[in-house]
C-alpha atoms as a PDB file:
ATOM      1  CA  MET A   1     -17.297  -3.793   2.433  1.00  0.00           C
ATOM      2  CA  ARG A   2     -19.593  -5.490   0.541  1.00  0.00           C
ATOM      3  CA  VAL A   3     -20.111  -5.778  -3.062  1.00  0.00           C
ATOM      4  CA  GLU A   4     -23.718  -6.637  -3.867  1.00  0.00           C
ATOM      5  CA  THR A   5     -24.883  -8.359  -6.986  1.00  0.00           C
ATOM      6  CA  ASP A   6     -25.148  -5.511  -8.872  1.00  0.00           C
ATOM      7  CA  GLY A   7     -21.381  -4.406  -8.125  1.00  0.00           C
ATOM      8  CA  THR A   8     -21.689  -1.358  -5.991  1.00  0.00           C
ATOM      9  CA  THR A   9     -20.173  -1.503  -3.026  1.00  0.00           C
ATOM     10  CA  SER A  10     -22.388  -0.741   0.273  1.00  0.00           C
ATOM     11  CA  HIS A  11     -22.405  -1.658   4.318  1.00  0.00           C
ATOM     12  CA  LEU A  12     -18.128   0.651   3.867  1.00  0.00           C
ATOM     13  CA  ARG A  13     -16.620   1.773   7.128  1.00  0.00           C
ATOM     14  CA  ALA A  14     -12.757   2.960   8.378  1.00  0.00           C
ATOM     15  CA  LEU A  15     -11.549   0.234  10.753  1.00  0.00           C
ATOM     16  CA  SER A  16      -8.668   3.142  11.402  1.00  0.00           C
ATOM     17  CA  ALA A  17      -7.095   6.466   9.351  1.00  0.00           C
ATOM     18  CA  PRO A  18      -4.733   8.535  10.456  1.00  0.00           C
ATOM     19  CA  SER A  19      -7.474  11.602  10.234  1.00  0.00           C
ATOM     20  CA  VAL A  20     -11.012  11.660   9.836  1.00  0.00           C
ATOM     21  CA  PRO A  21     -10.875  13.724   6.721  1.00  0.00           C
ATOM     22  CA  LEU A  22      -8.740  10.921   5.016  1.00  0.00           C
ATOM     23  CA  ALA A  23     -10.520   8.107   5.696  1.00  0.00           C
ATOM     24  CA  GLN A  24     -13.897   9.389   4.452  1.00  0.00           C
ATOM     25  CA  ALA A  25     -11.928  10.084   0.980  1.00  0.00           C
ATOM     26  CA  ALA A  26     -10.711   6.649   1.177  1.00  0.00           C
ATOM     27  CA  LEU A  27     -15.039   5.971   1.861  1.00  0.00           C
ATOM     28  CA  ASN A  28     -15.927   8.241  -0.976  1.00  0.00           C
ATOM     29  CA  ALA A  29     -13.178   7.105  -3.500  1.00  0.00           C
ATOM     30  CA  VAL A  30     -14.351   3.325  -3.035  1.00  0.00           C
ATOM     31  CA  THR A  31     -18.051   3.925  -3.736  1.00  0.00           C
ATOM     32  CA  GLN A  32     -16.863   4.787  -6.843  1.00  0.00           C
ATOM     33  CA  TRP A  33     -15.343   1.716  -7.131  1.00  0.00           C
ATOM     34  CA  LYS A  34     -17.892  -1.129  -9.453  1.00  0.00           C
ATOM     35  CA  TRP A  35     -16.695  -4.352  -8.780  1.00  0.00           C
ATOM     36  CA  THR A  36     -17.331  -7.994 -10.262  1.00  0.00           C
ATOM     37  CA  PRO A  37     -19.838  -9.945  -8.075  1.00  0.00           C
ATOM     38  CA  GLU A  38     -19.162 -13.593  -7.443  1.00  0.00           C
ATOM     39  CA  LEU A  39     -20.426 -16.363  -9.142  1.00  0.00           C
ATOM     40  CA  CYS A  40     -22.476 -19.049  -7.441  1.00  0.00           C
ATOM     41  CA  GLY A  41     -23.273 -21.234 -10.914  1.00  0.00           C
ATOM     42  CA  ASN A  42     -24.467 -18.320 -12.928  1.00  0.00           C
ATOM     43  CA  THR A  43     -25.974 -16.402  -9.904  1.00  0.00           C
ATOM     44  CA  PRO A  44     -24.068 -13.308  -9.122  1.00  0.00           C
ATOM     45  CA  VAL A  45     -24.315 -13.073  -4.987  1.00  0.00           C
ATOM     46  CA  LYS A  46     -23.259 -10.518  -2.702  1.00  0.00           C
ATOM     47  CA  PHE A  47     -19.934 -10.665  -1.050  1.00  0.00           C
ATOM     48  CA  GLU A  48     -17.870  -9.204   2.163  1.00  0.00           C
ATOM     49  CA  SER A  49     -14.530  -8.188   1.576  1.00  0.00           C
ATOM     50  CA  VAL A  50     -11.816  -6.619   3.788  1.00  0.00           C
ATOM     51  CA  ILE A  51      -9.681  -3.551   1.472  1.00  0.00           C
ATOM     52  CA  SER A  52      -6.537  -1.494   2.628  1.00  0.00           C
ATOM     53  CA  VAL A  53      -5.813   1.946   0.811  1.00  0.00           C
ATOM     54  CA  PHE A  54      -1.925   3.033   1.309  1.00  0.00           C
ATOM     55  CA  TYR A  55      -1.482   7.273   1.933  1.00  0.00           C
ATOM     56  CA  ALA A  56       0.977   8.957   0.764  1.00  0.00           C
ATOM     57  CA  SER A  57       1.899  12.426   1.141  1.00  0.00           C
ATOM     58  CA  ARG A  58       3.254  14.674  -1.629  1.00  0.00           C
ATOM     59  CA  LEU A  59       5.794  17.261  -0.902  1.00  0.00           C
END
């Protein structure tokens, strides 16, 4: 994924997931996250990152 200078995410994709619905749910959740962009001096810059989303079933 990419974190933009305003802290939003873009270019998200699931590398693997137990199912397509869970992959979509993870992507939907991450798009709602707000990040603090990296700084170069005092200027926000875009950065790319890989994150892991863990699944747990509730019985």
